[in-house]
């Protein structure tokens, strides 16, 4: 059976985004370049990890990961990634505001789900078939899925930085045990850790 996975770049002190998120700084002050530097400065050294991140048959994300707005949709907004997002698969966006599906280049279609995390997961599983489903973020969405016991494998990409504040992973997730899978890997810019999530 397929797994529900989650990949998160995170600071040593547990933040996946810094303070002051905005249209110009979607991951907040000082976070994007510090948490994801390994992907851009050393892509060849982390090619297998990057391939695993994008290998899912469907993805789930929160509205804040799709765009900066709240309330009614700005229908001109088509995501942070340009006309060809990196997913190349169906993406289910959790929201309180309905919107028609948004097809993009490269096989990505964003579907907007208004009836909760379980409904989004059911739709993502159906779309993914035998392939895995990935919970892509942000922190609040990942924390909700962890609290509900719906993530099977958590892959953390720990950058050697301390952000001090922002959006924190593991807030209000309850009693979760993480069982290491395999050995850590990485470079000076990141340590890759994989855990089986046990409830």
C-alpha atoms as a PDB file:
ATOM      1  CA  UNK A   1       0.000   0.000   0.000  1.00  0.00           C
ATOM      2  CA  UNK A   2       1.205   3.506  -0.713  1.00  0.00           C
ATOM      3  CA  UNK A   3       2.553   5.715   2.080  1.00  0.00           C
ATOM      4  CA  UNK A   4       1.780   9.227   3.181  1.00  0.00           C
ATOM      5  CA  UNK A   5       5.109  11.025   3.319  1.00  0.00           C
ATOM      6  CA  UNK A   6       6.213  14.492   4.296  1.00  0.00           C
ATOM      7  CA  UNK A   7       9.451  16.302   3.484  1.00  0.00           C
ATOM      8  CA  UNK A   8      10.234  19.458   5.458  1.00  0.00           C
ATOM      9  CA  UNK A   9      13.281  21.700   5.474  1.00  0.00           C
ATOM     10  CA  UNK A  10      13.649  22.789   9.079  1.00  0.00           C
ATOM     11  CA  UNK A  11      16.015  24.778  11.282  1.00  0.00           C
ATOM     12  CA  UNK A  12      17.784  23.113  14.200  1.00  0.00           C
ATOM     13  CA  UNK A  13      15.285  24.804  16.539  1.00  0.00           C
ATOM     14  CA  UNK A  14      12.285  23.415  14.670  1.00  0.00           C
ATOM     15  CA  UNK A  15      11.090  26.232  12.409  1.00  0.00           C
ATOM     16  CA  UNK A  16      10.068  25.674   8.779  1.00  0.00           C
ATOM     17  CA  UNK A  17       9.423  29.373   8.088  1.00  0.00           C
ATOM     18  CA  UNK A  18      10.682  32.547   9.670  1.00  0.00           C
ATOM     19  CA  UNK A  19       8.734  35.546  10.961  1.00  0.00           C
ATOM     20  CA  UNK A  20       7.238  38.163   8.667  1.00  0.00           C
ATOM     21  CA  UNK A  21       5.938  36.007   5.829  1.00  0.00           C
ATOM     22  CA  UNK A  22       4.867  38.169   2.879  1.00  0.00           C
ATOM     23  CA  UNK A  23       4.427  38.185  -0.884  1.00  0.00           C
ATOM     24  CA  UNK A  24       8.108  39.102  -1.277  1.00  0.00           C
ATOM     25  CA  UNK A  25       9.274  36.650   1.405  1.00  0.00           C
ATOM     26  CA  UNK A  26       6.941  33.634   1.368  1.00  0.00           C
ATOM     27  CA  UNK A  27       9.019  31.773   3.976  1.00  0.00           C
ATOM     28  CA  UNK A  28       9.569  34.837   6.126  1.00  0.00           C
ATOM     29  CA  UNK A  29      12.679  36.746   7.126  1.00  0.00           C
ATOM     30  CA  UNK A  30      15.900  34.862   6.432  1.00  0.00           C
ATOM     31  CA  UNK A  31      14.326  31.431   6.055  1.00  0.00           C
ATOM     32  CA  UNK A  32      14.163  30.509   2.381  1.00  0.00           C
ATOM     33  CA  UNK A  33      17.796  31.079   1.544  1.00  0.00           C
ATOM     34  CA  UNK A  34      18.960  29.500   4.805  1.00  0.00           C
ATOM     35  CA  UNK A  35      16.670  26.453   4.973  1.00  0.00           C
ATOM     36  CA  UNK A  36      16.777  25.543   1.282  1.00  0.00           C
ATOM     37  CA  UNK A  37      20.300  26.612   0.335  1.00  0.00           C
ATOM     38  CA  UNK A  38      21.368  22.985  -0.090  1.00  0.00           C
ATOM     39  CA  UNK A  39      18.807  22.485  -2.900  1.00  0.00           C
ATOM     40  CA  UNK A  40      20.152  25.388  -4.936  1.00  0.00           C
ATOM     41  CA  UNK A  41      23.861  25.459  -4.092  1.00  0.00           C
ATOM     42  CA  UNK A  42      24.448  21.687  -4.175  1.00  0.00           C
ATOM     43  CA  UNK A  43      21.646  20.108  -6.247  1.00  0.00           C
ATOM     44  CA  UNK A  44      23.891  17.402  -7.685  1.00  0.00           C
ATOM     45  CA  UNK A  45      24.934  16.249  -4.193  1.00  0.00           C
ATOM     46  CA  UNK A  46      21.310  15.914  -3.109  1.00  0.00           C
ATOM     47  CA  UNK A  47      19.784  14.722  -6.385  1.00  0.00           C
ATOM     48  CA  UNK A  48      18.340  11.502  -4.935  1.00  0.00           C
ATOM     49  CA  UNK A  49      16.735  13.393  -2.034  1.00  0.00           C
ATOM     50  CA  UNK A  50      15.241  16.016  -4.360  1.00  0.00           C
ATOM     51  CA  UNK A  51      13.921  13.231  -6.601  1.00  0.00           C
ATOM     52  CA  UNK A  52      12.236  11.577  -3.594  1.00  0.00           C
ATOM     53  CA  UNK A  53      10.621  14.889  -2.602  1.00  0.00           C
ATOM     54  CA  UNK A  54       8.952  15.265  -5.999  1.00  0.00           C
ATOM     55  CA  UNK A  55       8.204  11.573  -6.667  1.00  0.00           C
ATOM     56  CA  UNK A  56       4.747  11.390  -5.077  1.00  0.00           C
ATOM     57  CA  UNK A  57       1.664  10.651  -7.141  1.00  0.00           C
ATOM     58  CA  UNK A  58      -0.265  13.478  -5.451  1.00  0.00           C
ATOM     59  CA  UNK A  59       0.446  16.288  -2.998  1.00  0.00           C
ATOM     60  CA  UNK A  60      -1.448  18.097  -0.227  1.00  0.00           C
ATOM     61  CA  UNK A  61      -0.697  21.619   0.947  1.00  0.00           C
ATOM     62  CA  UNK A  62      -2.246  24.365   3.024  1.00  0.00           C
ATOM     63  CA  UNK A  63      -3.559  27.540   1.497  1.00  0.00           C
ATOM     64  CA  UNK A  64      -0.649  29.581   2.858  1.00  0.00           C
ATOM     65  CA  UNK A  65       1.761  27.377   0.936  1.00  0.00           C
ATOM     66  CA  UNK A  66      -0.194  27.969  -2.274  1.00  0.00           C
ATOM     67  CA  UNK A  67      -0.412  31.728  -1.867  1.00  0.00           C
ATOM     68  CA  UNK A  68      -0.303  34.721   0.477  1.00  0.00           C
ATOM     69  CA  UNK A  69      -3.993  35.645   0.469  1.00  0.00           C
ATOM     70  CA  UNK A  70      -6.736  35.057   3.012  1.00  0.00           C
ATOM     71  CA  UNK A  71     -10.460  35.273   2.504  1.00  0.00           C
ATOM     72  CA  UNK A  72     -11.854  35.369  -1.027  1.00  0.00           C
ATOM     73  CA  UNK A  73      -9.518  34.255  -3.791  1.00  0.00           C
ATOM     74  CA  UNK A  74      -7.549  36.601  -5.992  1.00  0.00           C
ATOM     75  CA  UNK A  75      -8.342  34.649  -9.168  1.00  0.00           C
ATOM     76  CA  UNK A  76      -5.236  36.008 -10.891  1.00  0.00           C
ATOM     77  CA  UNK A  77      -3.032  34.239  -8.319  1.00  0.00           C
ATOM     78  CA  UNK A  78      -1.644  30.968  -9.712  1.00  0.00           C
ATOM     79  CA  UNK A  79       0.864  29.973  -7.020  1.00  0.00           C
ATOM     80  CA  UNK A  80       4.457  30.872  -6.175  1.00  0.00           C
ATOM     81  CA  UNK A  81       6.084  28.673  -8.830  1.00  0.00           C
ATOM     82  CA  UNK A  82       5.219  30.231 -12.198  1.00  0.00           C
ATOM     83  CA  UNK A  83       3.375  28.473 -14.989  1.00  0.00           C
ATOM     84  CA  UNK A  84       5.097  25.110 -14.457  1.00  0.00           C
ATOM     85  CA  UNK A  85       5.122  24.157 -10.765  1.00  0.00           C
ATOM     86  CA  UNK A  86       7.568  21.430  -9.677  1.00  0.00           C
ATOM     87  CA  UNK A  87       4.875  18.910  -8.673  1.00  0.00           C
ATOM     88  CA  UNK A  88       3.867  17.415 -12.059  1.00  0.00           C
ATOM     89  CA  UNK A  89       0.937  15.705 -10.316  1.00  0.00           C
ATOM     90  CA  UNK A  90      -2.396  16.636  -8.716  1.00  0.00           C
ATOM     91  CA  UNK A  91      -2.064  19.002  -5.723  1.00  0.00           C
ATOM     92  CA  UNK A  92      -4.889  19.298  -3.186  1.00  0.00           C
ATOM     93  CA  UNK A  93      -4.957  22.688  -1.439  1.00  0.00           C
ATOM     94  CA  UNK A  94      -6.749  22.941   1.915  1.00  0.00           C
ATOM     95  CA  UNK A  95      -8.939  26.041   2.063  1.00  0.00           C
ATOM     96  CA  UNK A  96     -12.223  27.434   3.395  1.00  0.00           C
ATOM     97  CA  UNK A  97     -12.937  29.161   0.080  1.00  0.00           C
ATOM     98  CA  UNK A  98     -14.067  27.155  -2.973  1.00  0.00           C
ATOM     99  CA  UNK A  99     -12.263  27.607  -6.260  1.00  0.00           C
ATOM    100  CA  UNK A 100     -12.373  25.735  -9.555  1.00  0.00           C
ATOM    101  CA  UNK A 101      -9.423  23.421 -10.332  1.00  0.00           C
ATOM    102  CA  UNK A 102      -6.390  25.210 -11.743  1.00  0.00           C
ATOM    103  CA  UNK A 103      -4.483  23.235 -14.416  1.00  0.00           C
ATOM    104  CA  UNK A 104      -0.886  24.284 -15.006  1.00  0.00           C
ATOM    105  CA  UNK A 105       1.908  23.266 -17.374  1.00  0.00           C
ATOM    106  CA  UNK A 106       3.842  20.057 -16.734  1.00  0.00           C
ATOM    107  CA  UNK A 107       0.954  17.990 -15.375  1.00  0.00           C
ATOM    108  CA  UNK A 108       0.226  19.898 -12.158  1.00  0.00           C
ATOM    109  CA  UNK A 109      -3.418  20.661 -11.406  1.00  0.00           C
ATOM    110  CA  UNK A 110      -4.352  22.413  -8.166  1.00  0.00           C
ATOM    111  CA  UNK A 111      -7.625  21.223  -6.613  1.00  0.00           C
ATOM    112  CA  UNK A 112      -9.114  23.250  -3.767  1.00  0.00           C
ATOM    113  CA  UNK A 113     -10.562  21.191  -0.912  1.00  0.00           C
ATOM    114  CA  UNK A 114     -12.985  22.781   1.545  1.00  0.00           C
ATOM    115  CA  UNK A 115     -14.055  19.731   3.576  1.00  0.00           C
ATOM    116  CA  UNK A 116     -10.995  19.010   5.700  1.00  0.00           C
ATOM    117  CA  UNK A 117      -7.758  17.052   5.903  1.00  0.00           C
ATOM    118  CA  UNK A 118      -9.308  13.586   5.690  1.00  0.00           C
ATOM    119  CA  UNK A 119     -11.238  14.494   2.531  1.00  0.00           C
ATOM    120  CA  UNK A 120      -8.087  15.944   0.954  1.00  0.00           C
ATOM    121  CA  UNK A 121      -6.164  12.771   1.799  1.00  0.00           C
ATOM    122  CA  UNK A 122      -8.892  10.536   0.343  1.00  0.00           C
ATOM    123  CA  UNK A 123      -8.877  12.508  -2.903  1.00  0.00           C
ATOM    124  CA  UNK A 124      -5.074  12.523  -3.025  1.00  0.00           C
ATOM    125  CA  UNK A 125      -4.903   8.739  -2.459  1.00  0.00           C
ATOM    126  CA  UNK A 126      -7.376   8.165  -5.266  1.00  0.00           C
ATOM    127  CA  UNK A 127      -5.404  10.433  -7.615  1.00  0.00           C
ATOM    128  CA  UNK A 128      -2.038   8.882  -6.660  1.00  0.00           C
ATOM    129  CA  UNK A 129      -3.088   5.285  -7.264  1.00  0.00           C
ATOM    130  CA  UNK A 130      -0.224   3.025  -6.169  1.00  0.00           C
ATOM    131  CA  UNK A 131       2.178   5.935  -5.696  1.00  0.00           C
ATOM    132  CA  UNK A 132       2.784   7.774  -2.418  1.00  0.00           C
ATOM    133  CA  UNK A 133       0.914  10.874  -1.277  1.00  0.00           C
ATOM    134  CA  UNK A 134       3.072  13.738   0.031  1.00  0.00           C
ATOM    135  CA  UNK A 135       1.981  16.346   2.563  1.00  0.00           C
ATOM    136  CA  UNK A 136       3.999  19.281   1.236  1.00  0.00           C
ATOM    137  CA  UNK A 137       3.404  21.881   3.942  1.00  0.00           C
ATOM    138  CA  UNK A 138       3.305  24.358   5.516  1.00  0.00           C
ATOM    139  CA  UNK A 139       3.874  23.805   9.213  1.00  0.00           C
ATOM    140  CA  UNK A 140       0.236  24.084  10.298  1.00  0.00           C
ATOM    141  CA  UNK A 141      -0.892  21.580   7.669  1.00  0.00           C
ATOM    142  CA  UNK A 142       1.864  19.103   8.554  1.00  0.00           C
ATOM    143  CA  UNK A 143       1.090  19.477  12.260  1.00  0.00           C
ATOM    144  CA  UNK A 144      -2.613  18.760  11.628  1.00  0.00           C
ATOM    145  CA  UNK A 145      -1.787  15.590   9.695  1.00  0.00           C
ATOM    146  CA  UNK A 146       0.707  14.474  12.367  1.00  0.00           C
ATOM    147  CA  UNK A 147      -1.823  15.105  15.142  1.00  0.00           C
ATOM    148  CA  UNK A 148      -4.399  13.030  13.254  1.00  0.00           C
ATOM    149  CA  UNK A 149      -1.924  10.159  12.811  1.00  0.00           C
ATOM    150  CA  UNK A 150      -2.112  10.393   9.021  1.00  0.00           C
ATOM    151  CA  UNK A 151       1.602  10.644   8.100  1.00  0.00           C
ATOM    152  CA  UNK A 152       3.570   7.396   7.745  1.00  0.00           C
ATOM    153  CA  UNK A 153       7.052   8.734   6.988  1.00  0.00           C
ATOM    154  CA  UNK A 154       8.571  12.079   7.939  1.00  0.00           C
ATOM    155  CA  UNK A 155      11.730  13.190   6.140  1.00  0.00           C
ATOM    156  CA  UNK A 156      13.418  16.168   7.764  1.00  0.00           C
ATOM    157  CA  UNK A 157      16.093  18.198   6.009  1.00  0.00           C
ATOM    158  CA  UNK A 158      17.773  19.983   8.903  1.00  0.00           C
ATOM    159  CA  UNK A 159      19.719  23.129   8.085  1.00  0.00           C
ATOM    160  CA  UNK A 160      22.410  24.154  10.616  1.00  0.00           C
ATOM    161  CA  UNK A 161      20.706  27.457  11.440  1.00  0.00           C
ATOM    162  CA  UNK A 162      18.648  28.804  14.332  1.00  0.00           C
ATOM    163  CA  UNK A 163      15.716  30.978  13.268  1.00  0.00           C
ATOM    164  CA  UNK A 164      14.423  31.683  16.787  1.00  0.00           C
ATOM    165  CA  UNK A 165      10.823  32.299  15.730  1.00  0.00           C
ATOM    166  CA  UNK A 166       8.365  31.761  12.907  1.00  0.00           C
ATOM    167  CA  UNK A 167       6.278  28.733  11.926  1.00  0.00           C
ATOM    168  CA  UNK A 168       7.232  25.776  14.106  1.00  0.00           C
ATOM    169  CA  UNK A 169       6.971  22.101  13.267  1.00  0.00           C
ATOM    170  CA  UNK A 170       5.514  19.755  15.942  1.00  0.00           C
ATOM    171  CA  UNK A 171       3.282  22.310  17.702  1.00  0.00           C
ATOM    172  CA  UNK A 172       0.210  20.624  19.211  1.00  0.00           C
ATOM    173  CA  UNK A 173       0.760  17.257  17.535  1.00  0.00           C
ATOM    174  CA  UNK A 174       0.272  15.176  20.699  1.00  0.00           C
ATOM    175  CA  UNK A 175       2.236  12.055  21.575  1.00  0.00           C
ATOM    176  CA  UNK A 176       4.157  11.105  18.446  1.00  0.00           C
ATOM    177  CA  UNK A 177       7.121   8.717  18.334  1.00  0.00           C
ATOM    178  CA  UNK A 178       9.613   8.981  15.494  1.00  0.00           C
ATOM    179  CA  UNK A 179      11.512   5.790  14.664  1.00  0.00           C
ATOM    180  CA  UNK A 180      14.683   6.394  12.614  1.00  0.00           C
ATOM    181  CA  UNK A 181      14.827   4.737   9.194  1.00  0.00           C
ATOM    182  CA  UNK A 182      18.281   4.278   7.674  1.00  0.00           C
ATOM    183  CA  UNK A 183      21.285   6.430   8.430  1.00  0.00           C
ATOM    184  CA  UNK A 184      21.455  10.231   8.343  1.00  0.00           C
ATOM    185  CA  UNK A 185      23.095  11.737   5.283  1.00  0.00           C
ATOM    186  CA  UNK A 186      23.980  15.206   4.078  1.00  0.00           C
ATOM    187  CA  UNK A 187      26.639  17.864   3.786  1.00  0.00           C
ATOM    188  CA  UNK A 188      27.619  20.947   5.734  1.00  0.00           C
ATOM    189  CA  UNK A 189      24.455  22.665   4.493  1.00  0.00           C
ATOM    190  CA  UNK A 190      21.909  20.021   5.571  1.00  0.00           C
ATOM    191  CA  UNK A 191      21.375  16.735   7.380  1.00  0.00           C
ATOM    192  CA  UNK A 192      18.720  14.422   5.926  1.00  0.00           C
ATOM    193  CA  UNK A 193      16.806  12.368   8.504  1.00  0.00           C
ATOM    194  CA  UNK A 194      14.010   9.866   7.805  1.00  0.00           C
ATOM    195  CA  UNK A 195      11.554   8.692  10.448  1.00  0.00           C
ATOM    196  CA  UNK A 196       8.674   6.262  10.577  1.00  0.00           C
ATOM    197  CA  UNK A 197       5.832   7.989  12.445  1.00  0.00           C
ATOM    198  CA  UNK A 198       4.345   5.864  15.246  1.00  0.00           C
ATOM    199  CA  UNK A 199       1.200   6.806  17.139  1.00  0.00           C
END
